[in-house]
N, C-alpha and C. Protein backbone atom coordinates (compact mmCIF):
# COMPACT_ATOMS: atom_id res chain seq x y z
N UNK A 1 0.84 -1.17 0.00
CA UNK A 1 0.00 0.00 0.00
C UNK A 1 0.89 1.24 0.00
N UNK A 2 0.55 2.17 -0.85
CA UNK A 2 1.35 3.35 -1.04
C UNK A 2 0.63 4.56 -0.42
N UNK A 3 1.38 5.39 0.42
CA UNK A 3 0.81 6.57 1.06
C UNK A 3 1.40 7.81 0.40
N UNK A 4 0.52 8.68 -0.05
CA UNK A 4 0.96 9.93 -0.65
C UNK A 4 0.60 11.08 0.27
N UNK A 5 1.54 12.03 0.36
CA UNK A 5 1.24 13.19 1.20
C UNK A 5 1.10 14.41 0.30
N UNK A 6 0.35 15.40 0.76
CA UNK A 6 0.11 16.61 -0.03
C UNK A 6 -1.17 17.26 0.46
N UNK A 7 -1.55 18.29 -0.22
CA UNK A 7 -2.78 18.99 0.15
C UNK A 7 -3.77 18.89 -0.99
N UNK A 8 -4.99 18.89 -0.60
CA UNK A 8 -6.04 18.85 -1.60
C UNK A 8 -6.43 20.28 -1.97
N UNK A 9 -7.14 20.39 -3.04
CA UNK A 9 -7.61 21.69 -3.49
C UNK A 9 -8.51 22.34 -2.44
N UNK A 10 -9.33 21.58 -1.78
CA UNK A 10 -10.23 22.10 -0.75
C UNK A 10 -9.42 22.65 0.42
N UNK A 11 -8.40 21.92 0.86
CA UNK A 11 -7.57 22.39 1.97
C UNK A 11 -6.85 23.69 1.59
N UNK A 12 -6.36 23.76 0.38
CA UNK A 12 -5.67 24.96 -0.09
C UNK A 12 -6.62 26.16 -0.11
N UNK A 13 -7.84 25.97 -0.57
CA UNK A 13 -8.83 27.05 -0.61
C UNK A 13 -9.20 27.52 0.80
N UNK A 14 -9.29 26.60 1.73
CA UNK A 14 -9.61 26.96 3.12
C UNK A 14 -8.49 27.81 3.71
N UNK A 15 -7.25 27.39 3.50
CA UNK A 15 -6.11 28.14 4.02
C UNK A 15 -6.04 29.53 3.39
N UNK A 16 -6.24 29.63 2.10
CA UNK A 16 -6.23 30.94 1.43
C UNK A 16 -7.36 31.83 1.93
N UNK A 17 -8.51 31.25 2.17
CA UNK A 17 -9.64 32.02 2.70
C UNK A 17 -9.34 32.56 4.09
N UNK A 18 -8.75 31.73 4.95
CA UNK A 18 -8.39 32.19 6.30
C UNK A 18 -7.32 33.28 6.26
N UNK A 19 -6.33 33.13 5.38
CA UNK A 19 -5.31 34.16 5.24
C UNK A 19 -5.91 35.47 4.75
N UNK A 20 -6.85 35.39 3.84
CA UNK A 20 -7.53 36.59 3.35
C UNK A 20 -8.30 37.30 4.47
N UNK A 21 -8.98 36.54 5.31
CA UNK A 21 -9.72 37.12 6.44
C UNK A 21 -8.77 37.78 7.42
N UNK A 22 -7.67 37.12 7.75
CA UNK A 22 -6.68 37.69 8.66
C UNK A 22 -6.06 38.98 8.09
N UNK A 23 -5.75 38.96 6.81
CA UNK A 23 -5.19 40.13 6.16
C UNK A 23 -6.19 41.29 6.18
N UNK A 24 -7.45 41.00 5.91
CA UNK A 24 -8.49 42.02 5.93
C UNK A 24 -8.62 42.64 7.32
N UNK A 25 -8.51 41.81 8.36
CA UNK A 25 -8.62 42.30 9.73
C UNK A 25 -7.39 43.14 10.12
N UNK A 26 -6.25 42.85 9.55
CA UNK A 26 -5.02 43.56 9.90
C UNK A 26 -4.85 44.87 9.14
N UNK A 27 -5.58 45.08 8.07
CA UNK A 27 -5.39 46.26 7.22
C UNK A 27 -5.54 47.59 7.96
N UNK A 28 -6.54 47.81 8.80
CA UNK A 28 -6.62 49.11 9.50
C UNK A 28 -5.39 49.39 10.35
N UNK A 29 -4.90 48.42 11.04
CA UNK A 29 -3.69 48.60 11.85
C UNK A 29 -2.47 48.85 10.99
N UNK A 30 -2.40 48.22 9.85
CA UNK A 30 -1.28 48.40 8.94
C UNK A 30 -1.30 49.81 8.36
N UNK A 31 -2.48 50.30 8.02
CA UNK A 31 -2.61 51.67 7.50
C UNK A 31 -2.16 52.69 8.54
N UNK A 32 -2.54 52.48 9.78
CA UNK A 32 -2.13 53.38 10.86
C UNK A 32 -0.61 53.35 11.03
N UNK A 33 -0.04 52.18 10.96
CA UNK A 33 1.41 52.04 11.07
C UNK A 33 2.12 52.78 9.93
N UNK A 34 1.58 52.68 8.72
CA UNK A 34 2.16 53.39 7.58
C UNK A 34 2.09 54.91 7.77
N UNK A 35 0.95 55.41 8.24
CA UNK A 35 0.81 56.85 8.47
C UNK A 35 1.81 57.32 9.52
N UNK A 36 1.94 56.57 10.58
CA UNK A 36 2.85 56.91 11.67
C UNK A 36 4.30 56.92 11.18
N UNK A 37 4.68 55.91 10.44
CA UNK A 37 6.05 55.78 9.94
C UNK A 37 6.38 56.89 8.95
N UNK A 38 5.45 57.20 8.08
CA UNK A 38 5.68 58.25 7.08
C UNK A 38 5.85 59.60 7.77
N UNK A 39 5.02 59.87 8.76
CA UNK A 39 5.13 61.13 9.51
C UNK A 39 6.45 61.21 10.26
N UNK A 40 6.87 60.12 10.88
CA UNK A 40 8.16 60.09 11.57
C UNK A 40 9.30 60.41 10.62
N UNK A 41 9.26 59.81 9.44
CA UNK A 41 10.33 60.03 8.45
C UNK A 41 10.38 61.50 8.02
N UNK A 42 9.24 62.10 7.80
CA UNK A 42 9.19 63.51 7.38
C UNK A 42 9.76 64.41 8.48
N UNK A 43 9.37 64.17 9.72
CA UNK A 43 9.84 65.02 10.81
C UNK A 43 11.33 64.81 11.07
N UNK A 44 11.81 63.60 10.92
CA UNK A 44 13.25 63.34 11.09
C UNK A 44 14.05 64.02 9.97
N UNK A 45 13.49 64.06 8.78
CA UNK A 45 14.15 64.75 7.68
C UNK A 45 14.26 66.25 7.99
N UNK A 46 13.17 66.85 8.49
CA UNK A 46 13.20 68.27 8.86
C UNK A 46 14.23 68.52 9.95
N UNK A 47 14.24 67.68 10.97
CA UNK A 47 15.20 67.83 12.06
C UNK A 47 16.63 67.72 11.52
N UNK A 48 16.84 66.82 10.57
CA UNK A 48 18.15 66.68 9.95
C UNK A 48 18.56 67.91 9.17
N UNK A 49 17.60 68.52 8.47
CA UNK A 49 17.90 69.74 7.72
C UNK A 49 18.26 70.90 8.66
N UNK A 50 17.54 70.99 9.77
CA UNK A 50 17.84 72.04 10.74
C UNK A 50 19.22 71.82 11.36
N UNK A 51 19.52 70.58 11.72
CA UNK A 51 20.84 70.27 12.28
C UNK A 51 21.94 70.55 11.26
N UNK A 52 21.70 70.22 10.00
CA UNK A 52 22.67 70.49 8.95
C UNK A 52 22.88 72.00 8.77
N UNK A 53 21.80 72.76 8.79
CA UNK A 53 21.91 74.21 8.66
C UNK A 53 22.73 74.78 9.82
N UNK A 54 22.46 74.32 11.01
CA UNK A 54 23.20 74.79 12.19
C UNK A 54 24.68 74.43 12.09
N UNK A 55 24.95 73.19 11.76
CA UNK A 55 26.32 72.72 11.64
C UNK A 55 27.09 73.48 10.56
N UNK A 56 26.44 73.70 9.42
CA UNK A 56 27.08 74.42 8.33
C UNK A 56 27.35 75.86 8.71
N UNK A 57 26.42 76.50 9.41
CA UNK A 57 26.62 77.89 9.84
C UNK A 57 27.83 77.99 10.77
N UNK A 58 27.96 77.03 11.66
CA UNK A 58 29.09 77.05 12.61
C UNK A 58 30.41 76.78 11.89
N UNK A 59 30.45 75.74 11.08
CA UNK A 59 31.72 75.36 10.45
C UNK A 59 32.15 76.32 9.35
N UNK A 60 31.20 76.90 8.62
CA UNK A 60 31.57 77.83 7.54
C UNK A 60 31.64 79.27 8.02
N UNK A 61 31.18 79.52 9.26
CA UNK A 61 31.16 80.86 9.84
C UNK A 61 30.41 81.86 8.96
N UNK A 62 29.24 81.39 8.46
CA UNK A 62 28.36 82.29 7.72
C UNK A 62 26.91 81.91 7.98
N UNK A 63 26.02 82.83 7.72
CA UNK A 63 24.60 82.61 7.95
C UNK A 63 24.09 81.56 6.96
N UNK A 64 23.18 80.70 7.44
CA UNK A 64 22.56 79.67 6.61
C UNK A 64 21.05 79.82 6.74
N UNK A 65 20.35 79.75 5.62
CA UNK A 65 18.89 79.90 5.59
C UNK A 65 18.25 78.56 5.24
N UNK A 66 17.13 78.26 5.92
CA UNK A 66 16.30 77.09 5.66
C UNK A 66 14.91 77.65 5.39
N UNK A 67 14.38 77.41 4.19
CA UNK A 67 13.10 78.02 3.83
C UNK A 67 12.27 77.09 2.95
N UNK A 68 10.95 77.36 2.86
CA UNK A 68 10.12 76.58 1.95
C UNK A 68 10.48 76.94 0.51
N UNK A 69 10.33 75.98 -0.39
CA UNK A 69 10.68 76.23 -1.78
C UNK A 69 9.83 75.35 -2.70
N UNK A 70 9.01 75.99 -3.50
CA UNK A 70 8.17 75.26 -4.44
C UNK A 70 8.97 74.72 -5.62
N UNK A 71 10.03 75.45 -6.00
CA UNK A 71 10.83 75.02 -7.16
C UNK A 71 12.16 74.35 -6.78
N UNK A 72 12.43 74.23 -5.48
CA UNK A 72 13.66 73.63 -4.94
C UNK A 72 14.92 74.38 -5.40
N UNK A 73 14.76 75.68 -5.75
CA UNK A 73 15.92 76.50 -6.13
C UNK A 73 15.94 77.83 -5.38
N UNK A 74 14.77 78.37 -5.05
CA UNK A 74 14.67 79.66 -4.35
C UNK A 74 13.58 79.56 -3.28
N UNK A 75 13.62 80.45 -2.30
CA UNK A 75 12.60 80.49 -1.26
C UNK A 75 11.26 80.91 -1.87
N UNK A 76 10.19 80.32 -1.41
CA UNK A 76 8.85 80.69 -1.87
C UNK A 76 7.95 79.47 -1.90
N UNK A 77 6.68 79.69 -1.67
CA UNK A 77 5.73 78.59 -1.64
C UNK A 77 5.47 78.13 -0.22
N UNK A 78 4.90 76.96 -0.10
CA UNK A 78 4.57 76.43 1.23
C UNK A 78 5.58 75.35 1.61
N UNK A 79 5.66 75.06 2.89
CA UNK A 79 6.58 74.03 3.39
C UNK A 79 6.23 72.66 2.82
N UNK A 80 4.96 72.42 2.53
CA UNK A 80 4.55 71.13 1.97
C UNK A 80 5.07 70.94 0.55
N UNK A 81 5.40 72.03 -0.14
CA UNK A 81 5.90 71.94 -1.52
C UNK A 81 7.39 71.61 -1.59
N UNK A 82 8.08 71.66 -0.47
CA UNK A 82 9.50 71.35 -0.43
C UNK A 82 10.25 72.43 0.32
N UNK A 83 11.56 72.24 0.46
CA UNK A 83 12.38 73.23 1.17
C UNK A 83 13.82 73.14 0.70
N UNK A 84 14.58 74.19 1.02
CA UNK A 84 16.01 74.23 0.69
C UNK A 84 16.80 74.76 1.87
N UNK A 85 18.06 74.35 1.95
CA UNK A 85 19.02 74.85 2.92
C UNK A 85 20.18 75.40 2.09
N UNK A 86 20.60 76.64 2.38
CA UNK A 86 21.69 77.23 1.61
C UNK A 86 22.45 78.26 2.44
N UNK A 87 23.71 78.48 2.09
CA UNK A 87 24.47 79.56 2.71
C UNK A 87 23.89 80.86 2.19
N UNK A 88 23.83 81.86 3.07
CA UNK A 88 23.17 83.12 2.72
C UNK A 88 24.04 84.29 3.18
N UNK A 89 25.11 84.53 2.45
CA UNK A 89 26.12 85.52 2.84
C UNK A 89 25.54 86.90 3.13
N UNK A 90 24.61 87.36 2.32
CA UNK A 90 24.07 88.71 2.51
C UNK A 90 22.70 88.71 3.20
N UNK A 91 22.25 87.57 3.69
CA UNK A 91 21.01 87.44 4.48
C UNK A 91 19.76 87.90 3.75
N UNK A 92 19.75 87.77 2.43
CA UNK A 92 18.57 88.22 1.67
C UNK A 92 17.57 87.10 1.40
N UNK A 93 17.84 85.89 1.90
CA UNK A 93 16.98 84.72 1.73
C UNK A 93 16.79 84.36 0.25
N UNK A 94 17.83 84.63 -0.54
CA UNK A 94 17.87 84.26 -1.96
C UNK A 94 19.18 83.54 -2.22
N UNK A 95 19.12 82.53 -3.10
CA UNK A 95 20.34 81.83 -3.48
C UNK A 95 21.01 82.66 -4.57
N UNK A 96 22.04 83.41 -4.16
CA UNK A 96 22.81 84.23 -5.10
C UNK A 96 24.05 83.47 -5.53
N UNK A 97 24.86 84.08 -6.41
CA UNK A 97 26.04 83.38 -6.91
C UNK A 97 27.10 83.14 -5.84
N UNK A 98 27.09 83.91 -4.75
CA UNK A 98 28.03 83.68 -3.65
C UNK A 98 27.55 82.61 -2.68
N UNK A 99 26.33 82.16 -2.83
CA UNK A 99 25.72 81.20 -1.91
C UNK A 99 25.81 79.78 -2.46
N UNK A 100 25.76 78.82 -1.56
CA UNK A 100 25.81 77.41 -1.96
C UNK A 100 24.53 76.72 -1.51
N UNK A 101 23.86 76.06 -2.44
CA UNK A 101 22.69 75.25 -2.12
C UNK A 101 23.20 73.97 -1.47
N UNK A 102 22.77 73.72 -0.23
CA UNK A 102 23.30 72.60 0.55
C UNK A 102 22.40 71.38 0.51
N UNK A 103 21.10 71.58 0.68
CA UNK A 103 20.19 70.45 0.75
C UNK A 103 18.84 70.84 0.18
N UNK A 104 18.17 69.89 -0.47
CA UNK A 104 16.86 70.10 -1.07
C UNK A 104 15.93 69.00 -0.57
N UNK A 105 14.70 69.38 -0.20
CA UNK A 105 13.66 68.40 0.15
C UNK A 105 12.51 68.61 -0.81
N UNK A 106 12.07 67.54 -1.43
CA UNK A 106 10.96 67.61 -2.37
C UNK A 106 9.62 67.73 -1.67
N UNK A 107 8.55 67.79 -2.45
CA UNK A 107 7.22 67.97 -1.88
C UNK A 107 6.72 66.75 -1.11
N UNK A 108 5.79 67.04 -0.18
CA UNK A 108 5.11 65.98 0.56
C UNK A 108 4.05 65.35 -0.34
N UNK A 109 3.45 64.28 0.14
CA UNK A 109 2.35 63.64 -0.60
C UNK A 109 1.19 64.63 -0.72
N UNK A 110 0.48 64.57 -1.81
CA UNK A 110 -0.66 65.45 -2.04
C UNK A 110 -1.66 65.32 -0.89
N UNK A 111 -2.02 66.45 -0.31
CA UNK A 111 -3.00 66.46 0.77
C UNK A 111 -2.38 66.57 2.15
N UNK A 112 -1.09 66.25 2.30
CA UNK A 112 -0.42 66.43 3.59
C UNK A 112 -0.13 67.91 3.76
N UNK A 113 -0.18 68.38 5.00
CA UNK A 113 0.14 69.78 5.27
C UNK A 113 1.30 69.85 6.26
N UNK A 114 2.13 70.87 6.08
CA UNK A 114 3.24 71.13 6.97
C UNK A 114 3.23 72.62 7.25
N UNK A 115 3.10 72.96 8.52
CA UNK A 115 2.94 74.36 8.91
C UNK A 115 4.07 74.75 9.86
N UNK A 116 4.66 75.91 9.66
CA UNK A 116 5.69 76.45 10.55
C UNK A 116 5.08 77.64 11.29
N UNK A 117 5.08 77.56 12.60
CA UNK A 117 4.61 78.66 13.45
C UNK A 117 5.80 79.13 14.24
N UNK A 118 6.07 80.44 14.20
CA UNK A 118 7.27 80.94 14.84
C UNK A 118 7.06 82.31 15.45
N UNK A 119 7.97 82.63 16.35
CA UNK A 119 8.05 83.96 16.90
C UNK A 119 8.26 84.92 15.74
N UNK A 120 7.51 86.00 15.68
CA UNK A 120 7.51 86.99 14.61
C UNK A 120 6.97 86.43 13.29
N UNK A 121 6.49 85.20 13.26
CA UNK A 121 5.82 84.57 12.12
C UNK A 121 6.60 84.64 10.81
N UNK A 122 7.91 84.57 10.87
CA UNK A 122 8.72 84.53 9.65
C UNK A 122 8.67 83.12 9.10
N UNK A 123 8.50 82.98 7.79
CA UNK A 123 8.39 81.66 7.17
C UNK A 123 9.74 81.17 6.66
N UNK A 124 10.75 81.33 7.47
CA UNK A 124 12.08 80.81 7.17
C UNK A 124 12.83 80.71 8.49
N UNK A 125 13.91 79.98 8.48
CA UNK A 125 14.79 79.89 9.65
C UNK A 125 16.18 80.30 9.19
N UNK A 126 16.85 81.10 9.98
CA UNK A 126 18.23 81.47 9.67
C UNK A 126 19.11 81.12 10.86
N UNK A 127 20.21 80.46 10.56
CA UNK A 127 21.19 80.08 11.57
C UNK A 127 22.38 81.03 11.49
N UNK A 128 22.79 81.51 12.64
CA UNK A 128 23.95 82.39 12.74
C UNK A 128 25.22 81.55 12.84
N UNK A 129 26.38 82.13 12.54
CA UNK A 129 27.64 81.41 12.70
C UNK A 129 27.89 80.93 14.13
N UNK A 130 27.22 81.54 15.09
CA UNK A 130 27.34 81.11 16.49
C UNK A 130 26.56 79.81 16.75
N UNK A 131 25.70 79.41 15.81
CA UNK A 131 24.87 78.23 15.99
C UNK A 131 23.48 78.53 16.50
N UNK A 132 23.21 79.79 16.82
CA UNK A 132 21.89 80.18 17.29
C UNK A 132 21.02 80.58 16.11
N UNK A 133 19.71 80.46 16.31
CA UNK A 133 18.79 80.91 15.28
C UNK A 133 18.65 82.43 15.39
N UNK A 134 18.34 83.02 14.29
CA UNK A 134 18.24 84.48 14.24
C UNK A 134 16.84 84.92 14.67
N UNK A 135 16.69 85.21 15.95
CA UNK A 135 15.44 85.74 16.53
C UNK A 135 14.24 84.83 16.32
N UNK A 136 14.44 83.53 16.26
CA UNK A 136 13.31 82.65 15.99
C UNK A 136 13.33 81.43 16.89
N UNK A 137 12.19 80.96 17.17
CA UNK A 137 11.94 79.64 17.70
C UNK A 137 10.51 79.33 17.30
N UNK A 138 10.16 78.08 17.22
CA UNK A 138 8.81 77.75 16.79
C UNK A 138 8.63 76.27 16.62
N UNK A 139 7.68 75.88 15.77
CA UNK A 139 7.43 74.46 15.56
C UNK A 139 6.86 74.20 14.18
N UNK A 140 7.17 73.00 13.70
CA UNK A 140 6.58 72.48 12.47
C UNK A 140 5.50 71.49 12.87
N UNK A 141 4.30 71.62 12.31
CA UNK A 141 3.23 70.67 12.56
C UNK A 141 2.86 70.00 11.24
N UNK A 142 2.89 68.68 11.24
CA UNK A 142 2.57 67.87 10.07
C UNK A 142 1.22 67.20 10.28
N UNK A 143 0.33 67.37 9.31
CA UNK A 143 -0.97 66.70 9.35
C UNK A 143 -1.07 65.77 8.14
N UNK A 144 -1.52 64.53 8.36
CA UNK A 144 -1.62 63.58 7.25
C UNK A 144 -2.81 63.88 6.35
N UNK A 145 -2.85 63.19 5.24
CA UNK A 145 -3.95 63.35 4.27
C UNK A 145 -5.30 63.10 4.94
N UNK A 146 -5.37 62.12 5.84
CA UNK A 146 -6.63 61.75 6.49
C UNK A 146 -7.15 62.82 7.45
N UNK A 147 -6.31 63.80 7.81
CA UNK A 147 -6.65 64.84 8.78
C UNK A 147 -6.90 64.29 10.17
N UNK A 148 -6.54 63.05 10.42
CA UNK A 148 -6.72 62.42 11.72
C UNK A 148 -5.64 62.94 12.66
N UNK A 149 -6.06 63.70 13.68
CA UNK A 149 -5.11 64.33 14.61
C UNK A 149 -4.30 63.33 15.41
N UNK A 150 -4.74 62.07 15.45
CA UNK A 150 -3.93 61.05 16.15
C UNK A 150 -2.59 60.84 15.46
N UNK A 151 -2.52 61.18 14.16
CA UNK A 151 -1.29 60.98 13.40
C UNK A 151 -0.56 62.30 13.14
N UNK A 152 -1.06 63.40 13.72
CA UNK A 152 -0.37 64.68 13.59
C UNK A 152 0.94 64.61 14.37
N UNK A 153 1.95 65.27 13.84
CA UNK A 153 3.25 65.28 14.51
C UNK A 153 3.75 66.71 14.57
N UNK A 154 4.61 66.96 15.55
CA UNK A 154 5.14 68.31 15.69
C UNK A 154 6.62 68.23 16.06
N UNK A 155 7.40 69.08 15.40
CA UNK A 155 8.82 69.22 15.68
C UNK A 155 9.00 70.60 16.28
N UNK A 156 9.48 70.66 17.53
CA UNK A 156 9.68 71.92 18.23
C UNK A 156 11.14 72.33 18.06
N UNK A 157 11.35 73.59 17.66
CA UNK A 157 12.70 74.11 17.43
C UNK A 157 12.93 75.27 18.40
N UNK A 158 13.99 75.16 19.23
CA UNK A 158 14.26 76.25 20.17
C UNK A 158 15.25 77.25 19.56
N UNK A 159 15.54 78.31 20.27
CA UNK A 159 16.37 79.40 19.77
C UNK A 159 17.81 79.02 19.47
N UNK A 160 18.25 77.89 20.00
CA UNK A 160 19.62 77.44 19.71
C UNK A 160 19.65 76.50 18.52
N UNK A 161 18.49 76.27 17.89
CA UNK A 161 18.44 75.38 16.73
C UNK A 161 18.33 73.92 17.10
N UNK A 162 18.09 73.63 18.34
CA UNK A 162 17.90 72.24 18.78
C UNK A 162 16.43 71.86 18.59
N UNK A 163 16.20 70.59 18.30
CA UNK A 163 14.83 70.14 18.02
C UNK A 163 14.42 69.02 18.97
N UNK A 164 13.12 68.88 19.13
CA UNK A 164 12.54 67.75 19.86
C UNK A 164 11.16 67.47 19.28
N UNK A 165 10.76 66.22 19.35
CA UNK A 165 9.45 65.81 18.85
C UNK A 165 8.40 65.96 19.95
N UNK A 166 7.21 66.41 19.57
CA UNK A 166 6.09 66.46 20.51
C UNK A 166 5.71 65.03 20.89
N UNK A 167 5.30 64.86 22.14
CA UNK A 167 4.96 63.54 22.67
C UNK A 167 3.51 63.49 23.14
N UNK A 168 2.99 62.29 23.29
CA UNK A 168 1.68 62.09 23.90
C UNK A 168 1.95 61.85 25.39
N UNK A 169 1.94 62.90 26.17
CA UNK A 169 2.32 62.81 27.58
C UNK A 169 1.21 62.26 28.48
N UNK A 170 -0.04 62.44 28.08
CA UNK A 170 -1.13 61.98 28.95
C UNK A 170 -1.75 60.66 28.49
N UNK A 171 -1.23 60.07 27.43
CA UNK A 171 -1.68 58.75 26.99
C UNK A 171 -3.05 58.71 26.35
N UNK A 172 -3.55 59.85 25.85
CA UNK A 172 -4.89 59.85 25.24
C UNK A 172 -4.87 59.56 23.74
N UNK A 173 -3.68 59.30 23.18
CA UNK A 173 -3.59 58.98 21.76
C UNK A 173 -3.29 60.18 20.87
N UNK A 174 -3.17 61.37 21.46
CA UNK A 174 -2.87 62.59 20.72
C UNK A 174 -1.61 63.22 21.28
N UNK A 175 -0.70 63.62 20.42
CA UNK A 175 0.50 64.34 20.87
C UNK A 175 0.08 65.73 21.31
N UNK A 176 0.81 66.26 22.29
CA UNK A 176 0.51 67.60 22.80
C UNK A 176 1.59 68.58 22.38
N UNK A 177 1.17 69.84 22.17
CA UNK A 177 2.13 70.89 21.87
C UNK A 177 2.83 71.32 23.15
N UNK A 178 3.70 72.32 23.07
CA UNK A 178 4.47 72.73 24.25
C UNK A 178 3.61 73.32 25.36
N UNK A 179 2.39 73.71 25.04
CA UNK A 179 1.46 74.24 26.05
C UNK A 179 0.60 73.13 26.66
N UNK A 180 0.74 71.91 26.17
CA UNK A 180 -0.05 70.80 26.70
C UNK A 180 -1.35 70.57 25.98
N UNK A 181 -1.62 71.32 24.91
CA UNK A 181 -2.84 71.15 24.13
C UNK A 181 -2.63 70.10 23.06
N UNK A 182 -3.65 69.25 22.80
CA UNK A 182 -3.50 68.23 21.75
C UNK A 182 -3.32 68.88 20.39
N UNK A 183 -2.48 68.28 19.55
CA UNK A 183 -2.29 68.77 18.19
C UNK A 183 -3.60 68.61 17.42
N UNK A 184 -3.85 69.56 16.53
CA UNK A 184 -5.08 69.53 15.73
C UNK A 184 -4.75 69.64 14.26
N UNK A 185 -5.63 69.10 13.45
CA UNK A 185 -5.49 69.17 11.99
C UNK A 185 -6.75 69.74 11.40
N UNK A 186 -6.97 71.04 11.55
CA UNK A 186 -8.16 71.63 10.95
C UNK A 186 -7.82 72.65 9.93
């Protein structure tokens, strides 16, 4: 008598059906994980650009500007459209022939928003050769396409150009700003 091992078509269909059900149940959690990860990456990129601007200002002993840039060549547009970091010898917030373009960040996904709120409401950051920001401190707030405030993130920038991420300190599922208020996406 000969014994054969293997699976039947019915067994295979049952296993595929169960895998499909499990995958369907996991999708909402997977989507949330993707939103969280994408937001983290964006905020870490911004923090890296600020650190690079600070470091370059100190090492080159010249002012460095970090600003939004729709065309990735000059300041202008919204932060969601992209940004540039460049040396700014004459502090005019323009990339002139004496200036060097250091870093470029492309646009965010369509529908994501990135807002910079700062002392004196200037829509750029300038680093002095001393490593301090030029009369500014503030925060970047990122809101996802879904507008779900649970996935909003904030990068706080102090006057010395140091950054920190906003945290959910009270465990309610929403990160809080420096005043303790939950981040909003409206």
